[in-house]
Amino acid sequence: MKKLPIGIQEFSKLRSEQFVYVDKTHQIYDLLQQHQYFFLSRPRRFGKSLLLNTIKEIFLGNKELFKGLWIYDKITWEPSAVIKISFANIDYKSLGLEKAIDTMLLGIAQTMNIRLTAPTFSLKWDELIKKVAGGKKVVILIDEYDKPIIDYLDDLPTAEKNRGILKNFYSIIKDADSFIRFFFVTGVSKFSKISIFSDLNNLDDITLDDDYATLLGWTQEEVENNFGKEINAIAEKHPDIYTDIRLMMKEWYNGYSWDGENFVYNPVSLMNFFSKKTFNNYWFTTGTPTFLMKIIKSERYSAFDIENKTVSISLLDKYDLNNMTLLPLLFQTGYLTIKSYDRHRNTIVLDYPNREVADSFSMHILSELTIGKLDKTDMLLVDMVRCFDKGDIPTFISHINTLFLNLPYAIIDQKEKYFHSIFYTIMKLVGYKIEAEILTIDGRIDAVVKTHHRIYIIEFKTNQSADAAIRQIIQKRYAEKYAHDPRTKILLGINFNTDTRRADYFVVANF
């Protein structure tokens, strides 16, 4: 089996130590033939650092590292001077951003036997560019430009301060244009891209460019070509469990898209799957979206405000530190992706990319809005599956009430949708197929849950009566939509009491 480069971001180490590399050099070659200045946004742990380090080795002229790859005999390997910076590797939390940048520039200069004498970090940056260029031109690669901002989204004064510092840093680039051969900057988000790079009016944002939709991440074809043996080995080891392993892989880890047409796997998740040989949450555990959860809670978002949303494509460019909009944030950070793109109307459908993200993010939302602790939430969900499978609705409802016990009054707001959305999230998390707001000839069904042996037709009420819910299901003939299905149909009416924050009454009836 191939050596999996889990956690390896240096292209030189990956190649010299014979780890697997999914060849992206054809697309990199196409990129290098285009403009001079580029910006690319992708979620964390998606291969941005490896991409920049690959470009670095191309410009350094290290041809032998590319033997066997597409680009090997396609270019003239003439070395250039390269400055590579990662804002993930500087100690701005202890030193402050200005001092950290200053220290970083001095360190880079020292490795290149250059002495910097300018008094400020921005002037040192200008001095470094010109001295490294040495009468020629220099390649500048900057990774995770936005990390000093993202790390302080719950401390907006510091985030604003760091944005101003970064603006001063990047303002040097325009006047140094005659010394720059190629400039590429990456980040997780497009926070303040316009204001930070306002002087770089020639910066080409390729985040949503069709030509580079698969520059990062792995397509199905790339996975099959590079990991076919690994896939088959796992399937053969567990034939009773992984009856269609490729379909399961797609469901768990594929689904990211930046054009609504080309879909890719998260490399980190897939490599960990090949290593551990079991489906699990790998990408999500590398970072907890604390600031996103705060926004969801404070702005009273529900599951229905997040999943399967049709929005204008222009929404993805709306970023303001003082007025953060949830959907663009979720897209940039990788929790939502473009599932389809209507180019006639310039609208896109945003949804969770795959099961790994949907389950993990939903679990965090559920825990944040209800019980407050992931471990307790998880234990409750496990028992809820057992109860629901047995048809033990009273115990199932009691577990729901345990979750609802800590539901903040601020988000209830006398609205049925918060209870409804949490119920919806619970059922999805425990693995049931649930549909919400289903249109029929006579009305709209709140929810339908399908198990192996039963179909539950569910109607929710708030501060009313569960009997009224059952009457509505019967009078509007909701169950008839599923009359052809041989499974037992169960009618379930649930009333939520906003004062007690409980499902205080429910009625179960057979169809």
Protein backbone atom coordinates (compact mmCIF):
# COMPACT_ATOMS: atom_id res chain seq x y z
CA MET A 1 0.00 0.00 0.00
CA LYS A 2 1.09 3.56 -0.66
CA LYS A 3 2.49 5.82 2.03
CA LEU A 4 -0.21 8.29 2.97
CA PRO A 5 1.03 11.87 3.54
CA ILE A 6 -1.20 12.59 6.53
CA GLY A 7 -0.14 15.95 7.96
CA ILE A 8 2.67 16.44 5.41
CA GLN A 9 2.53 19.83 3.70
CA GLU A 10 6.07 20.07 2.32
CA PHE A 11 6.14 18.89 -1.29
CA SER A 12 9.88 18.16 -1.11
CA LYS A 13 9.42 15.76 1.83
CA LEU A 14 6.38 14.16 0.27
CA ARG A 15 8.27 13.39 -2.95
CA SER A 16 11.70 12.54 -1.55
CA GLU A 17 10.19 10.12 0.97
CA GLN A 18 7.89 8.59 -1.64
CA PHE A 19 4.50 9.48 -0.19
CA VAL A 20 1.57 9.40 -2.58
CA TYR A 21 0.95 12.63 -4.48
CA VAL A 22 -2.19 13.22 -6.52
CA ASP A 23 -0.75 15.03 -9.53
CA LYS A 24 -2.11 18.57 -9.82
CA THR A 25 0.80 19.91 -11.86
CA HIS A 26 -1.16 20.22 -15.11
CA GLN A 27 -3.56 22.67 -13.44
CA ILE A 28 -0.66 24.43 -11.72
CA TYR A 29 1.05 24.79 -15.11
CA ASP A 30 -2.12 26.37 -16.54
CA LEU A 31 -2.23 28.75 -13.58
CA LEU A 32 1.38 29.81 -14.08
CA GLN A 33 0.68 30.70 -17.72
CA GLN A 34 -2.01 33.17 -16.73
CA HIS A 35 -1.84 36.36 -14.71
CA GLN A 36 0.81 37.40 -12.21
CA TYR A 37 -1.25 37.96 -9.04
CA PHE A 38 -3.67 35.39 -7.58
CA PHE A 39 -5.92 34.89 -4.58
CA LEU A 40 -7.51 31.55 -3.65
CA SER A 41 -9.86 30.80 -0.76
CA ARG A 42 -10.45 27.24 0.45
CA PRO A 43 -11.41 25.68 3.81
CA ARG A 44 -8.77 24.67 6.35
CA ARG A 45 -6.96 21.39 5.87
CA PHE A 46 -7.78 21.28 2.17
CA GLY A 47 -4.29 21.34 0.67
CA LYS A 48 -3.56 25.06 0.33
CA SER A 49 -0.15 24.77 1.98
CA LEU A 50 0.85 21.80 -0.17
CA LEU A 51 -0.21 23.72 -3.27
CA LEU A 52 1.98 26.71 -2.40
CA ASN A 53 4.91 24.47 -1.49
CA THR A 54 4.54 22.68 -4.84
CA ILE A 55 4.62 26.02 -6.66
CA LYS A 56 7.62 27.01 -4.55
CA GLU A 57 9.60 23.95 -5.70
CA ILE A 58 8.68 24.64 -9.34
CA PHE A 59 10.04 28.18 -9.13
CA LEU A 60 13.14 27.02 -7.25
CA GLY A 61 13.86 24.78 -10.23
CA ASN A 62 13.90 21.49 -8.32
CA LYS A 63 13.09 19.41 -11.39
CA GLU A 64 13.94 15.99 -9.95
CA LEU A 65 11.17 16.28 -7.36
CA PHE A 66 8.70 16.27 -10.27
CA LYS A 67 9.98 13.20 -12.08
CA GLY A 68 7.00 11.14 -13.21
CA LEU A 69 4.58 14.07 -12.87
CA TRP A 70 2.86 15.84 -15.77
CA ILE A 71 4.90 19.03 -15.57
CA TYR A 72 8.32 17.33 -15.58
CA ASP A 73 9.12 17.87 -19.27
CA LYS A 74 6.74 20.75 -19.96
CA ILE A 75 8.71 23.74 -18.67
CA THR A 76 12.20 25.20 -18.63
CA TRP A 77 13.50 24.67 -15.11
CA GLU A 78 15.09 28.04 -14.40
CA PRO A 79 15.34 28.83 -10.66
CA SER A 80 13.90 32.04 -9.24
CA ALA A 81 14.18 33.66 -5.84
CA VAL A 82 11.18 32.73 -3.66
CA ILE A 83 9.75 34.24 -0.48
CA LYS A 84 7.27 31.87 1.18
CA ILE A 85 5.29 33.10 4.20
CA SER A 86 2.69 31.34 6.33
CA PHE A 87 0.76 33.40 8.85
CA ALA A 88 -0.01 30.16 10.68
CA ASN A 89 3.64 29.94 11.68
CA ILE A 90 4.16 33.31 13.33
CA ASP A 91 3.61 34.03 17.00
CA TYR A 92 1.19 36.96 16.76
CA LYS A 93 -0.77 35.79 19.81
CA SER A 94 2.20 36.35 22.11
CA LEU A 95 4.10 39.09 20.30
CA GLY A 96 1.28 41.00 18.64
CA LEU A 97 0.94 40.98 14.85
CA GLU A 98 3.32 43.86 14.07
CA LYS A 99 6.16 42.42 16.15
CA ALA A 100 5.50 38.91 14.86
CA ILE A 101 5.72 40.08 11.22
CA ASP A 102 8.87 42.04 11.99
CA THR A 103 10.46 38.96 13.62
CA MET A 104 9.39 36.76 10.71
CA LEU A 105 10.94 39.10 8.12
CA LEU A 106 14.20 39.25 10.03
CA GLY A 107 14.24 35.44 10.19
CA ILE A 108 13.67 35.08 6.44
CA ALA A 109 16.39 37.65 5.74
CA GLN A 110 18.84 35.81 7.97
CA THR A 111 18.32 32.51 6.12
CA MET A 112 19.11 34.35 2.89
CA ASN A 113 22.14 36.16 4.32
CA ILE A 114 20.40 39.52 3.95
CA ARG A 115 20.57 42.34 6.47
CA LEU A 116 17.47 44.46 6.96
CA THR A 117 17.87 47.97 8.35
CA ALA A 118 14.46 49.62 7.80
CA PRO A 119 12.78 50.85 11.02
CA THR A 120 9.22 49.46 10.55
CA PHE A 121 7.87 46.06 9.53
CA SER A 122 6.28 47.42 6.33
CA LEU A 123 9.51 49.08 5.25
CA LYS A 124 11.44 45.93 6.13
CA TRP A 125 9.03 44.00 3.90
CA ASP A 126 9.72 46.37 1.01
CA GLU A 127 13.46 46.12 1.67
CA LEU A 128 13.34 42.31 1.78
CA ILE A 129 11.48 42.04 -1.54
CA LYS A 130 13.94 44.27 -3.35
CA LYS A 131 17.06 42.69 -1.86
CA VAL A 132 15.87 39.14 -2.51
CA ALA A 133 15.00 40.08 -6.10
CA GLY A 134 18.56 41.33 -6.51
CA GLY A 135 17.98 43.14 -9.78
CA LYS A 136 15.74 40.37 -11.12
CA LYS A 137 12.30 39.34 -9.89
CA VAL A 138 11.05 37.42 -6.88
CA VAL A 139 8.19 34.96 -6.37
CA ILE A 140 6.01 35.69 -3.29
CA LEU A 141 3.78 32.97 -1.83
CA ILE A 142 1.63 33.77 1.21
CA ASP A 143 -0.37 31.11 3.03
CA GLU A 144 -3.27 31.65 5.47
CA TYR A 145 -3.23 35.41 5.10
CA ASP A 146 -6.41 35.71 7.20
CA LYS A 147 -5.48 33.62 10.24
CA PRO A 148 -4.65 36.67 12.40
CA ILE A 149 -8.21 37.85 11.69
CA ILE A 150 -10.10 34.55 11.96
CA ASP A 151 -8.48 33.72 15.29
CA TYR A 152 -10.06 36.87 16.76
CA LEU A 153 -13.60 36.79 15.37
CA ASP A 154 -14.84 36.73 18.96
CA ASP A 155 -12.64 39.76 19.72
CA LEU A 156 -13.53 42.25 16.99
CA PRO A 157 -11.29 45.13 18.18
CA THR A 158 -8.23 42.87 17.82
CA ALA A 159 -9.52 41.48 14.51
CA GLU A 160 -9.96 45.05 13.18
CA LYS A 161 -6.51 46.03 14.42
CA ASN A 162 -4.93 43.03 12.71
CA ARG A 163 -6.79 43.80 9.50
CA GLY A 164 -5.26 47.28 9.48
CA ILE A 165 -1.78 45.85 10.05
CA LEU A 166 -2.23 43.39 7.20
CA LYS A 167 -3.43 46.19 4.93
CA ASN A 168 -0.18 48.04 5.59
CA PHE A 169 1.74 44.85 4.90
CA TYR A 170 0.08 44.21 1.53
CA SER A 171 0.16 47.85 0.45
CA ILE A 172 3.88 47.39 -0.17
CA ILE A 173 3.18 44.90 -2.98
CA LYS A 174 1.82 47.44 -5.47
CA ASP A 175 4.90 49.67 -5.43
CA ALA A 176 7.14 46.59 -5.59
CA ASP A 177 5.45 45.33 -8.76
CA SER A 178 8.55 45.69 -10.92
CA PHE A 179 10.39 43.33 -8.57
CA ILE A 180 7.70 40.62 -8.47
CA ARG A 181 7.50 37.74 -10.94
CA PHE A 182 4.55 35.91 -9.37
CA PHE A 183 2.34 36.52 -6.33
CA PHE A 184 -0.08 34.01 -4.81
CA VAL A 185 -1.98 34.40 -1.54
CA THR A 186 -4.35 31.87 0.05
CA GLY A 187 -6.72 31.89 3.00
CA VAL A 188 -9.77 30.25 4.46
CA SER A 189 -12.11 33.15 3.87
CA LYS A 190 -12.51 36.29 1.83
CA PHE A 191 -12.78 38.42 4.93
CA SER A 192 -11.96 41.98 4.02
CA LYS A 193 -10.25 40.86 0.83
CA ILE A 194 -11.20 44.12 -0.82
CA SER A 195 -10.00 46.36 2.00
CA ILE A 196 -6.84 44.40 2.79
CA PHE A 197 -5.78 44.11 -0.84
CA SER A 198 -7.33 47.40 -1.98
CA ASP A 199 -4.10 48.53 -3.64
CA LEU A 200 -3.81 45.26 -5.59
CA ASN A 201 -6.43 45.96 -8.24
CA ASN A 202 -4.81 43.32 -10.45
CA LEU A 203 -5.28 40.51 -7.90
CA ASP A 204 -7.16 37.70 -9.66
CA ASP A 205 -9.57 35.91 -7.32
CA ILE A 206 -9.83 32.33 -8.63
CA THR A 207 -11.92 31.00 -5.71
CA LEU A 208 -15.00 30.40 -7.88
CA ASP A 209 -13.16 30.11 -11.21
CA ASP A 210 -14.40 27.11 -13.21
CA ASP A 211 -10.88 26.39 -14.47
CA TYR A 212 -9.60 25.81 -10.94
CA ALA A 213 -12.62 24.17 -9.31
CA THR A 214 -10.61 20.97 -8.76
CA LEU A 215 -7.19 22.54 -8.11
CA LEU A 216 -7.57 21.44 -4.48
CA GLY A 217 -9.40 18.34 -3.29
CA TRP A 218 -9.57 15.04 -5.18
CA THR A 219 -12.03 14.13 -7.91
CA GLN A 220 -13.58 10.66 -8.13
CA GLU A 221 -11.29 9.86 -11.06
CA GLU A 222 -8.20 10.94 -9.11
CA VAL A 223 -9.24 8.83 -6.13
CA GLU A 224 -9.82 5.76 -8.32
CA ASN A 225 -6.52 6.22 -10.17
CA ASN A 226 -4.43 6.72 -7.04
CA PHE A 227 -6.16 4.66 -4.36
CA GLY A 228 -7.97 1.84 -6.15
CA LYS A 229 -6.02 -0.88 -4.29
CA GLU A 230 -6.68 0.76 -0.91
CA ILE A 231 -10.40 0.96 -1.62
CA ASN A 232 -10.65 -2.67 -2.72
CA ALA A 233 -8.60 -3.90 0.24
CA ILE A 234 -10.96 -2.24 2.75
CA ALA A 235 -14.02 -3.57 0.90
CA GLU A 236 -12.62 -7.11 0.85
CA LYS A 237 -11.77 -7.01 4.55
CA HIS A 238 -15.33 -6.00 5.54
CA PRO A 239 -17.63 -7.28 2.77
CA ASP A 240 -20.67 -7.49 5.04
CA ILE A 241 -20.26 -3.93 6.31
CA TYR A 242 -19.06 -2.06 3.24
CA THR A 243 -21.40 -3.53 0.65
CA ASP A 244 -20.88 -0.54 -1.68
CA ILE A 245 -17.75 1.15 -0.41
CA ARG A 246 -17.48 3.69 -3.21
CA LEU A 247 -21.01 4.92 -2.64
CA MET A 248 -20.32 5.19 1.10
CA MET A 249 -17.09 7.11 0.46
CA LYS A 250 -18.98 9.60 -1.68
CA GLU A 251 -21.67 9.98 0.95
CA TRP A 252 -19.14 10.55 3.74
CA TYR A 253 -16.32 12.57 2.17
CA ASN A 254 -17.14 13.77 -1.36
CA GLY A 255 -19.41 16.67 -2.25
CA TYR A 256 -17.32 19.85 -2.02
CA SER A 257 -17.77 22.15 -5.00
CA TRP A 258 -16.94 25.71 -6.00
CA ASP A 259 -18.80 25.72 -9.31
CA GLY A 260 -21.79 23.43 -8.66
CA GLU A 261 -20.59 20.99 -11.33
CA ASN A 262 -17.28 19.50 -10.23
CA PHE A 263 -17.23 17.76 -6.85
CA VAL A 264 -14.19 16.75 -4.84
CA TYR A 265 -13.23 14.78 -1.76
CA ASN A 266 -11.61 16.31 1.30
CA PRO A 267 -8.06 14.83 1.15
CA VAL A 268 -7.56 14.86 4.94
CA SER A 269 -10.71 12.87 5.57
CA LEU A 270 -10.06 10.36 2.80
CA MET A 271 -6.43 9.72 3.81
CA ASN A 272 -7.51 9.13 7.39
CA PHE A 273 -10.22 6.76 6.15
CA PHE A 274 -7.63 4.76 4.19
CA SER A 275 -5.37 4.72 7.25
CA LYS A 276 -7.99 3.84 9.89
CA LYS A 277 -10.15 1.77 7.53
CA THR A 278 -13.35 2.99 9.11
CA PHE A 279 -15.84 5.76 8.36
CA ASN A 280 -15.59 8.49 10.93
CA ASN A 281 -15.35 12.23 11.41
CA TYR A 282 -11.75 13.25 10.61
CA TRP A 283 -11.81 16.77 9.14
CA PHE A 284 -14.25 18.32 11.59
CA THR A 285 -12.23 17.25 14.63
CA THR A 286 -9.28 19.34 13.45
CA GLY A 287 -11.11 22.50 14.46
CA THR A 288 -14.24 23.51 16.35
CA PRO A 289 -16.19 26.42 14.80
CA THR A 290 -16.76 28.25 18.10
CA PHE A 291 -17.43 31.67 16.56
CA LEU A 292 -19.94 30.14 14.12
CA MET A 293 -21.84 28.54 16.97
CA LYS A 294 -22.00 31.90 18.74
CA ILE A 295 -23.52 33.50 15.65
CA ILE A 296 -26.06 30.68 15.26
CA LYS A 297 -27.09 31.01 18.88
CA SER A 298 -27.17 34.81 19.07
CA GLU A 299 -28.96 35.29 15.74
CA ARG A 300 -31.46 32.46 16.42
CA TYR A 301 -30.66 30.39 13.35
CA SER A 302 -32.27 26.98 12.97
CA ALA A 303 -31.41 23.97 10.80
CA PHE A 304 -33.93 25.22 8.23
CA ASP A 305 -31.99 28.49 7.89
CA ILE A 306 -28.80 26.63 6.99
CA GLU A 307 -29.54 23.56 4.89
CA ASN A 308 -30.41 23.54 1.19
CA LYS A 309 -30.64 27.31 0.80
CA THR A 310 -30.99 29.04 -2.56
CA VAL A 311 -29.17 32.38 -2.57
CA SER A 312 -27.63 34.84 -4.99
CA ILE A 313 -24.04 34.07 -5.95
CA SER A 314 -23.19 37.65 -4.97
CA LEU A 315 -23.94 36.77 -1.33
CA LEU A 316 -20.60 34.94 -1.16
CA ASP A 317 -18.76 38.23 -1.55
CA LYS A 318 -20.47 39.93 1.40
CA TYR A 319 -17.98 39.98 4.26
CA ASP A 320 -17.95 42.51 7.02
CA LEU A 321 -16.28 41.95 10.37
CA ASN A 322 -18.86 44.13 12.09
CA ASN A 323 -21.86 42.53 10.39
CA MET A 324 -21.02 38.90 9.73
CA THR A 325 -23.50 36.96 7.60
CA LEU A 326 -23.76 33.28 8.45
CA LEU A 327 -24.16 31.59 5.05
CA PRO A 328 -21.05 33.14 3.43
CA LEU A 329 -19.08 32.27 6.56
CA LEU A 330 -20.28 28.67 6.46
CA PHE A 331 -19.38 28.44 2.78
CA GLN A 332 -15.88 29.87 3.16
CA THR A 333 -15.08 27.73 6.17
CA GLY A 334 -16.22 24.55 4.43
CA TYR A 335 -19.40 23.70 6.33
CA LEU A 336 -21.55 24.50 3.30
CA THR A 337 -20.73 24.10 -0.36
CA ILE A 338 -22.26 24.87 -3.77
CA LYS A 339 -24.52 21.99 -4.72
CA SER A 340 -25.85 23.59 -7.91
CA TYR A 341 -25.45 26.84 -9.83
CA ASP A 342 -28.18 28.41 -11.94
CA ARG A 343 -26.14 30.63 -14.23
CA HIS A 344 -29.24 32.14 -15.85
CA ARG A 345 -30.46 33.53 -12.54
CA ASN A 346 -27.04 33.77 -10.87
CA THR A 347 -28.31 31.75 -7.93
CA ILE A 348 -26.69 28.85 -6.10
CA VAL A 349 -27.90 26.16 -3.73
CA LEU A 350 -25.81 25.91 -0.56
CA ASP A 351 -25.90 22.74 1.52
CA TYR A 352 -23.67 20.49 3.61
CA PRO A 353 -21.06 18.85 1.36
CA ASN A 354 -21.34 15.37 2.86
CA ARG A 355 -22.35 13.23 5.81
CA GLU A 356 -19.17 13.90 7.79
CA VAL A 357 -19.79 17.64 7.85
CA ALA A 358 -23.59 17.43 8.15
CA ASP A 359 -23.51 15.07 11.13
CA SER A 360 -20.67 16.79 12.95
CA PHE A 361 -21.92 20.33 12.46
CA SER A 362 -25.50 19.35 13.35
CA MET A 363 -24.23 17.69 16.53
CA HIS A 364 -22.46 20.90 17.53
CA ILE A 365 -25.56 22.98 16.81
CA LEU A 366 -27.77 20.59 18.77
CA SER A 367 -25.41 20.53 21.72
CA GLU A 368 -24.92 24.30 21.67
CA LEU A 369 -28.65 25.03 21.61
CA THR A 370 -29.78 22.37 24.07
CA ILE A 371 -27.89 20.30 26.60
CA GLY A 372 -24.59 22.15 26.24
CA LYS A 373 -22.23 19.13 26.24
CA LEU A 374 -21.33 16.96 23.28
CA ASP A 375 -20.73 13.77 25.27
CA LYS A 376 -24.11 13.90 27.03
CA THR A 377 -25.85 14.79 23.78
CA ASP A 378 -24.23 11.82 22.06
CA MET A 379 -25.26 9.38 24.81
CA LEU A 380 -28.86 10.60 24.66
CA LEU A 381 -28.97 10.19 20.89
CA VAL A 382 -27.77 6.60 21.12
CA ASP A 383 -30.61 5.74 23.51
CA MET A 384 -33.11 7.64 21.38
CA VAL A 385 -32.35 5.37 18.43
CA ARG A 386 -33.08 2.31 20.55
CA CYS A 387 -36.38 3.76 21.76
CA PHE A 388 -37.56 4.91 18.35
CA ASP A 389 -36.66 1.58 16.73
CA LYS A 390 -38.77 -0.22 19.35
CA GLY A 391 -41.65 2.22 18.93
CA ASP A 392 -41.19 3.37 22.54
CA ILE A 393 -42.44 6.91 21.87
CA PRO A 394 -42.94 7.94 25.55
CA THR A 395 -39.27 7.31 26.40
CA PHE A 396 -38.21 8.88 23.11
CA ILE A 397 -40.14 12.05 23.95
CA SER A 398 -38.67 12.11 27.47
CA HIS A 399 -35.18 12.14 25.94
CA ILE A 400 -36.19 15.01 23.66
CA ASN A 401 -37.32 16.89 26.75
CA THR A 402 -33.95 16.30 28.37
CA LEU A 403 -32.36 18.02 25.40
CA PHE A 404 -34.93 20.84 25.42
CA LEU A 405 -34.40 21.48 29.13
CA ASN A 406 -31.57 23.96 28.49
CA LEU A 407 -33.03 25.50 25.36
CA PRO A 408 -32.58 29.27 25.91
CA TYR A 409 -35.75 31.35 26.14
CA ALA A 410 -34.09 33.87 23.82
CA ILE A 411 -34.16 31.55 20.83
CA ILE A 412 -37.64 30.11 21.42
CA ASP A 413 -39.46 33.36 20.74
CA GLN A 414 -42.83 31.56 20.79
CA LYS A 415 -42.03 29.96 17.45
CA GLU A 416 -42.71 26.37 16.48
CA LYS A 417 -39.76 26.27 14.08
CA TYR A 418 -37.09 26.00 16.80
CA PHE A 419 -38.63 22.86 18.27
CA HIS A 420 -39.37 21.55 14.80
CA SER A 421 -35.81 22.19 13.57
CA ILE A 422 -34.24 20.58 16.63
CA PHE A 423 -36.46 17.51 16.21
CA TYR A 424 -35.42 17.44 12.53
CA THR A 425 -31.74 17.68 13.50
CA ILE A 426 -32.09 14.90 16.08
CA MET A 427 -33.67 12.50 13.61
CA LYS A 428 -31.02 13.17 10.97
CA LEU A 429 -28.23 12.67 13.47
CA VAL A 430 -29.51 9.31 14.64
CA GLY A 431 -29.56 8.13 11.04
CA TYR A 432 -33.22 8.22 10.10
CA LYS A 433 -34.46 9.52 6.81
CA ILE A 434 -36.52 12.57 7.66
CA GLU A 435 -38.27 14.95 5.30
CA ALA A 436 -39.65 18.29 6.42
CA GLU A 437 -42.37 20.60 5.09
CA ILE A 438 -43.72 18.08 2.57
CA LEU A 439 -46.38 19.44 0.24
CA THR A 440 -49.57 17.44 -0.32
CA ILE A 441 -52.81 18.23 -2.14
CA ASP A 442 -54.43 19.30 1.13
CA GLY A 443 -51.59 20.97 2.94
CA ARG A 444 -48.05 20.65 4.19
CA ILE A 445 -46.80 17.82 6.43
CA ASP A 446 -44.41 19.05 9.13
CA ALA A 447 -42.22 15.93 9.06
CA VAL A 448 -42.08 12.34 7.87
CA VAL A 449 -39.62 9.85 9.38
CA LYS A 450 -38.99 6.50 7.70
CA THR A 451 -37.55 3.48 9.50
CA HIS A 452 -37.21 -0.10 8.27
CA HIS A 453 -40.69 -1.07 9.47
CA ARG A 454 -42.61 2.17 10.04
CA ILE A 455 -43.42 5.54 8.51
CA TYR A 456 -44.15 8.30 11.04
CA ILE A 457 -46.31 11.19 9.84
CA ILE A 458 -45.70 14.00 12.31
CA GLU A 459 -47.42 17.30 13.01
CA PHE A 460 -46.09 19.85 15.52
CA LYS A 461 -48.04 22.38 17.54
CA THR A 462 -46.84 25.07 19.93
CA ASN A 463 -48.87 25.96 23.03
CA GLN A 464 -51.90 24.23 21.55
CA SER A 465 -52.95 20.58 21.61
CA ALA A 466 -51.44 17.36 20.31
CA ASP A 467 -55.03 16.23 19.63
CA ALA A 468 -55.34 19.15 17.20
CA ALA A 469 -52.18 17.92 15.48
CA ILE A 470 -53.61 14.42 15.03
CA ARG A 471 -56.91 15.82 13.76
CA GLN A 472 -55.03 17.88 11.17
CA ILE A 473 -53.13 14.80 9.93
CA ILE A 474 -56.38 12.86 9.59
CA GLN A 475 -58.52 15.64 8.13
CA LYS A 476 -55.92 16.60 5.55
CA ARG A 477 -55.25 12.95 4.72
CA TYR A 478 -51.49 13.30 5.03
CA ALA A 479 -50.94 9.54 5.39
CA GLU A 480 -52.57 8.77 2.05
CA LYS A 481 -49.45 10.06 0.31
CA TYR A 482 -47.71 6.91 1.61
CA ALA A 483 -50.60 4.43 1.19
CA HIS A 484 -48.67 2.44 -1.42
CA ASP A 485 -45.80 1.79 1.01
CA PRO A 486 -46.17 -1.54 2.86
CA ARG A 487 -44.65 -0.20 6.05
CA THR A 488 -46.85 0.53 9.04
CA LYS A 489 -47.99 4.16 9.14
CA ILE A 490 -47.91 5.87 12.55
CA LEU A 491 -49.51 9.28 13.14
CA LEU A 492 -47.71 11.37 15.75
CA GLY A 493 -48.88 14.71 17.08
CA ILE A 494 -46.56 16.65 19.38
CA ASN A 495 -47.23 19.88 21.28
CA PHE A 496 -44.34 22.01 22.53
CA ASN A 497 -44.88 24.24 25.53
CA THR A 498 -42.70 27.35 25.29
CA ASP A 499 -43.13 28.16 29.00
CA THR A 500 -41.89 24.79 30.25
CA ARG A 501 -39.66 24.21 27.19
CA ARG A 502 -41.01 20.68 26.89
CA ALA A 503 -42.98 18.48 24.60
CA ASP A 504 -45.74 18.40 27.20
CA TYR A 505 -48.24 16.32 25.29
CA PHE A 506 -48.18 13.87 22.40
CA VAL A 507 -50.64 11.54 20.73
CA VAL A 508 -49.88 8.39 18.76
CA ALA A 509 -52.40 6.89 16.36
CA ASN A 510 -52.37 4.21 13.65
CA PHE A 511 -53.40 4.87 10.09
